[in-house]
Amino acid sequence: MDNFTSPAQLRFEQVNLFTKLKSNHQGYPILQDITFQVFPGERIAIVGVTGAGKTSLLRLINCLTEPSSGKIYLDNQEYRQISAIQLRQMVTLVLQESKLLGMTVQQALEYPLVLRGLPKATIQQRISHWLEQLQIPDDCLGRTEVQLSAGQKQLIAIARALIIQPKILLLDEPTSALDAGTASHLMQILIQLVQTQQTTILMVNHQLDLAQMFYTRLLHLHQGQLLADKPASEVDLASLQTSLIKAQTQAAEEWI
């Protein structure tokens, strides 16, 4: 395997995100006063109930959304000074439901590397490596999206991101469609990736048992605010689970 790009540092400074309204009034807050720093090689789990702002945070990091106020930095360069194309070559987001856009698996995996002008031999080397690592059978390469299970589509989306070799990998519920064995294997692969390449990974995951296998640090979002930012050694998993269940119950009651 060829080497990954050098590791990166990410920094949020008092970032706010509001929904956009047609009037001149400020919209509803999605994220409020988010300040934290991510160092190369960290494995970060982002937790919180539905609507806490987890996916919105990942979208900000990948420049799919712009903050209403505050600043985001990558390697001490403010996001507004980096083009979206350049930034996404370093920061890659895998959404919970990724699409192949009418391509076969082979074409979808090749496409981002062809755009970068990489030699065919390098492209095939990367594809073969990650198919083997993620235990994706070669006979999937000729299939289209409708011929894949939900779990296969999820693994292929992750493979496509890893093939790009990002500095920062953003994963939104990457194990939601995977069986327990495959999910556990994926966690081990990601841990190995961080240890060998210093890739930084931020992962949203509702499955705390899997998140616990993975993270070195945990961010807990609640109603758009950063409720806790703790190293793994300081996380009380039982208390966290109780807190999330209580918050989810309260959120459900507000809809009744």
Protein backbone atom coordinates (compact mmCIF):
# COMPACT_ATOMS: atom_id res chain seq x y z
CA MET A 1 0.00 0.00 0.00
CA ASP A 2 1.19 3.53 -0.75
CA ASN A 3 1.39 5.93 2.18
CA PHE A 4 -1.45 8.08 3.40
CA THR A 5 -1.18 11.85 3.46
CA SER A 6 0.20 13.50 6.57
CA PRO A 7 -2.13 13.76 9.58
CA ALA A 8 -4.25 16.84 10.21
CA GLN A 9 -5.45 18.98 13.09
CA LEU A 10 -9.01 20.34 13.30
CA ARG A 11 -10.26 23.20 15.45
CA PHE A 12 -13.73 24.66 16.14
CA GLU A 13 -13.96 28.10 17.73
CA GLN A 14 -17.39 29.18 19.03
CA VAL A 15 -19.21 27.73 16.02
CA ASN A 16 -22.96 28.27 15.73
CA LEU A 17 -25.35 26.90 13.14
CA PHE A 18 -28.93 28.10 12.72
CA THR A 19 -31.68 27.03 10.38
CA LYS A 20 -32.27 29.50 7.59
CA LEU A 21 -35.53 31.45 7.60
CA LYS A 22 -36.97 33.47 4.75
CA SER A 23 -37.37 36.48 7.05
CA ASN A 24 -34.50 38.48 8.50
CA HIS A 25 -34.90 36.80 11.88
CA GLN A 26 -32.31 34.33 13.10
CA GLY A 27 -33.35 30.71 12.61
CA TYR A 28 -33.67 27.90 15.11
CA PRO A 29 -30.32 26.86 16.65
CA ILE A 30 -28.92 23.53 15.41
CA LEU A 31 -25.48 23.88 17.00
CA GLN A 32 -24.57 26.42 19.66
CA ASP A 33 -21.15 27.71 20.69
CA ILE A 34 -19.26 24.55 19.68
CA THR A 35 -15.58 24.77 20.65
CA PHE A 36 -13.18 21.83 20.58
CA GLN A 37 -9.92 20.70 19.02
CA VAL A 38 -9.09 17.39 17.33
CA PHE A 39 -5.51 16.16 17.10
CA PRO A 40 -3.97 13.79 14.53
CA GLY A 41 -4.68 10.13 15.18
CA GLU A 42 -7.60 10.62 17.56
CA ARG A 43 -10.56 8.25 17.46
CA ILE A 44 -13.59 10.28 18.45
CA ALA A 45 -17.11 9.00 19.05
CA ILE A 46 -19.92 11.55 18.78
CA VAL A 47 -23.05 10.57 20.70
CA GLY A 48 -26.40 12.13 21.44
CA VAL A 49 -30.08 11.52 20.82
CA THR A 50 -31.79 12.13 17.50
CA GLY A 51 -31.75 15.84 16.72
CA ALA A 52 -28.75 16.61 18.95
CA GLY A 53 -26.77 17.96 15.99
CA LYS A 54 -24.38 15.06 15.35
CA THR A 55 -24.81 14.80 11.57
CA SER A 56 -24.88 18.59 11.29
CA LEU A 57 -21.48 18.69 12.99
CA LEU A 58 -20.05 16.21 10.46
CA ARG A 59 -21.52 18.22 7.58
CA LEU A 60 -19.80 21.35 8.89
CA ILE A 61 -16.47 19.54 9.05
CA ASN A 62 -16.90 18.35 5.45
CA CYS A 63 -17.95 21.80 4.25
CA LEU A 64 -21.41 20.65 3.15
CA THR A 65 -22.80 23.33 5.49
CA GLU A 66 -21.31 26.67 6.48
CA PRO A 67 -21.45 27.89 10.09
CA SER A 68 -23.73 30.83 10.89
CA SER A 69 -20.92 32.24 13.04
CA GLY A 70 -17.61 31.16 14.53
CA LYS A 71 -14.55 29.68 12.81
CA ILE A 72 -13.30 26.25 11.78
CA TYR A 73 -9.62 25.56 11.08
CA LEU A 74 -7.78 22.73 9.37
CA ASP A 75 -4.06 22.77 10.16
CA ASN A 76 -4.42 26.39 11.33
CA GLN A 77 -5.95 27.46 8.02
CA GLU A 78 -9.49 28.80 8.26
CA TYR A 79 -12.08 26.85 6.28
CA ARG A 80 -13.14 29.91 4.30
CA GLN A 81 -9.63 30.07 2.84
CA ILE A 82 -9.81 26.48 1.55
CA SER A 83 -11.83 25.54 -1.52
CA ALA A 84 -14.48 22.87 -0.95
CA ILE A 85 -12.84 20.57 -3.51
CA GLN A 86 -9.43 20.88 -1.87
CA LEU A 87 -10.88 20.38 1.59
CA ARG A 88 -12.81 17.23 0.61
CA GLN A 89 -9.61 15.69 -0.71
CA MET A 90 -8.39 15.81 2.90
CA VAL A 91 -11.67 15.37 4.79
CA THR A 92 -14.07 12.63 3.67
CA LEU A 93 -17.63 12.05 4.92
CA VAL A 94 -19.47 8.73 4.68
CA LEU A 95 -23.17 9.32 5.15
CA GLN A 96 -25.45 6.69 6.65
CA GLU A 97 -27.06 6.05 3.26
CA SER A 98 -24.49 6.58 0.52
CA LYS A 99 -25.34 6.15 -3.16
CA LEU A 100 -23.41 4.71 -6.12
CA LEU A 101 -25.13 7.16 -8.49
CA GLY A 102 -25.92 4.55 -11.14
CA MET A 103 -22.37 3.15 -11.24
CA THR A 104 -21.17 -0.37 -10.66
CA VAL A 105 -19.16 -0.97 -7.50
CA GLN A 106 -15.94 -1.04 -9.57
CA GLN A 107 -16.77 2.29 -11.20
CA ALA A 108 -17.76 3.92 -7.91
CA LEU A 109 -14.50 2.87 -6.26
CA GLU A 110 -12.39 3.98 -9.23
CA TYR A 111 -14.12 7.30 -9.87
CA PRO A 112 -12.55 9.56 -7.19
CA LEU A 113 -9.08 8.22 -7.97
CA VAL A 114 -9.53 8.65 -11.74
CA LEU A 115 -10.46 12.29 -11.07
CA ARG A 116 -7.13 12.69 -9.26
CA GLY A 117 -5.25 11.28 -12.23
CA LEU A 118 -3.78 8.29 -10.42
CA PRO A 119 -2.25 5.46 -12.49
CA LYS A 120 -4.45 2.44 -13.15
CA ALA A 121 -2.06 0.18 -11.24
CA THR A 122 -2.29 2.37 -8.13
CA ILE A 123 -6.07 2.51 -8.38
CA GLN A 124 -6.36 -1.26 -8.63
CA GLN A 125 -3.89 -1.75 -5.78
CA ARG A 126 -5.94 0.44 -3.44
CA ILE A 127 -9.23 -1.21 -4.45
CA SER A 128 -7.84 -4.71 -3.95
CA HIS A 129 -6.35 -3.77 -0.58
CA TRP A 130 -9.57 -2.40 0.89
CA LEU A 131 -11.78 -5.11 -0.57
CA GLU A 132 -9.57 -7.62 1.22
CA GLN A 133 -9.41 -5.61 4.46
CA LEU A 134 -13.17 -5.11 4.62
CA GLN A 135 -13.89 -8.66 3.44
CA ILE A 136 -15.91 -7.50 0.42
CA PRO A 137 -16.08 -10.30 -2.20
CA ASP A 138 -14.61 -9.55 -5.63
CA ASP A 139 -17.86 -10.63 -7.28
CA CYS A 140 -19.48 -7.44 -5.90
CA LEU A 141 -17.43 -5.29 -8.30
CA GLY A 142 -19.77 -5.76 -11.25
CA ARG A 143 -22.94 -5.17 -9.26
CA THR A 144 -25.06 -2.03 -9.19
CA GLU A 145 -26.71 -0.49 -6.14
CA VAL A 146 -29.98 -2.42 -6.55
CA GLN A 147 -28.04 -5.69 -6.48
CA LEU A 148 -26.45 -4.98 -3.09
CA SER A 149 -27.76 -5.45 0.43
CA ALA A 150 -27.86 -2.50 2.83
CA GLY A 151 -24.80 -3.82 4.64
CA GLN A 152 -22.84 -4.29 1.41
CA LYS A 153 -23.66 -0.74 0.32
CA GLN A 154 -22.46 0.56 3.67
CA LEU A 155 -19.14 -1.31 3.47
CA ILE A 156 -18.57 -0.20 -0.12
CA ALA A 157 -19.19 3.43 0.84
CA ILE A 158 -16.60 3.07 3.61
CA ALA A 159 -14.16 1.39 1.20
CA ARG A 160 -14.61 4.26 -1.27
CA ALA A 161 -13.71 6.74 1.48
CA LEU A 162 -10.67 4.76 2.64
CA ILE A 163 -9.38 4.42 -0.92
CA ILE A 164 -9.20 8.21 -1.11
CA GLN A 165 -6.79 8.17 1.86
CA PRO A 166 -8.17 11.21 3.72
CA LYS A 167 -6.47 12.98 6.59
CA ILE A 168 -9.78 13.06 8.45
CA LEU A 169 -12.51 10.43 8.05
CA LEU A 170 -16.07 11.25 9.12
CA LEU A 171 -18.46 8.33 9.63
CA ASP A 172 -22.19 8.76 10.23
CA GLU A 173 -23.61 5.57 11.79
CA PRO A 174 -21.24 3.30 9.83
CA THR A 175 -22.46 0.09 11.48
CA SER A 176 -26.23 0.66 11.30
CA ALA A 177 -26.74 -1.94 8.53
CA LEU A 178 -23.99 -4.38 9.56
CA ASP A 179 -24.29 -7.58 11.54
CA ALA A 180 -22.42 -7.77 14.86
CA GLY A 181 -19.43 -9.69 13.51
CA THR A 182 -18.91 -7.41 10.51
CA ALA A 183 -19.34 -4.29 12.67
CA SER A 184 -16.75 -5.55 15.16
CA HIS A 185 -14.32 -6.32 12.32
CA LEU A 186 -14.81 -2.82 10.91
CA MET A 187 -13.97 -1.28 14.29
CA GLN A 188 -10.72 -3.25 14.40
CA ILE A 189 -9.80 -2.18 10.87
CA LEU A 190 -10.41 1.48 11.73
CA ILE A 191 -8.35 1.23 14.92
CA GLN A 192 -5.51 -0.31 12.93
CA LEU A 193 -5.78 2.46 10.33
CA VAL A 194 -5.41 5.14 13.00
CA GLN A 195 -2.48 3.38 14.64
CA THR A 196 -0.55 2.87 11.41
CA GLN A 197 -1.44 6.00 9.42
CA GLN A 198 -2.43 8.56 12.08
CA THR A 199 -5.71 9.15 10.23
CA THR A 200 -8.15 11.05 12.43
CA ILE A 201 -11.64 9.53 12.66
CA LEU A 202 -14.82 11.11 14.01
CA MET A 203 -17.71 8.68 14.21
CA VAL A 204 -21.38 9.14 15.03
CA ASN A 205 -22.71 5.89 16.48
CA HIS A 206 -25.79 5.05 18.53
CA GLN A 207 -24.39 1.59 19.34
CA LEU A 208 -22.42 2.43 22.47
CA ASP A 209 -20.95 -1.05 22.80
CA LEU A 210 -19.32 -0.68 19.38
CA ALA A 211 -18.36 2.93 20.03
CA GLN A 212 -16.67 1.83 23.25
CA MET A 213 -14.45 -0.57 21.27
CA PHE A 214 -13.33 2.29 19.05
CA TYR A 215 -13.01 5.65 20.73
CA THR A 216 -10.17 7.31 22.59
CA ARG A 217 -12.38 10.35 23.21
CA LEU A 218 -16.09 11.05 23.36
CA LEU A 219 -18.12 14.13 22.42
CA HIS A 220 -21.66 14.22 23.82
CA LEU A 221 -24.04 16.57 22.03
CA HIS A 222 -27.39 17.55 23.52
CA GLN A 223 -29.82 20.00 21.91
CA GLY A 224 -27.03 21.41 19.77
CA GLN A 225 -24.63 22.00 22.64
CA LEU A 226 -21.42 20.17 23.52
CA LEU A 227 -22.47 18.67 26.83
CA ALA A 228 -19.27 16.69 27.44
CA ASP A 229 -15.83 16.21 25.90
CA LYS A 230 -14.01 13.39 27.70
CA PRO A 231 -11.19 10.92 27.14
CA ALA A 232 -12.33 7.30 27.07
CA SER A 233 -10.86 6.65 30.53
CA GLU A 234 -13.27 9.17 32.08
CA VAL A 235 -16.48 7.98 30.39
CA ASP A 236 -19.01 6.20 32.62
CA LEU A 237 -20.80 4.14 30.01
CA ALA A 238 -23.71 3.16 32.27
CA SER A 239 -24.40 6.79 33.24
CA LEU A 240 -24.07 7.87 29.61
CA GLN A 241 -26.58 5.23 28.51
CA THR A 242 -29.04 6.32 31.20
CA SER A 243 -28.62 9.96 30.20
CA LEU A 244 -29.26 9.20 26.52
CA ILE A 245 -32.36 7.13 27.28
CA LYS A 246 -33.74 9.90 29.50
CA ALA A 247 -33.05 12.57 26.87
CA GLN A 248 -34.66 10.46 24.15
CA THR A 249 -37.76 9.91 26.28
CA GLN A 250 -38.05 13.64 26.97
CA ALA A 251 -37.63 14.44 23.28
CA ALA A 252 -40.35 11.94 22.34
CA GLU A 253 -42.75 13.41 24.90
CA GLU A 254 -42.31 16.88 23.40
CA TRP A 255 -43.80 15.59 20.15
CA ILE A 256 -46.95 14.26 21.83
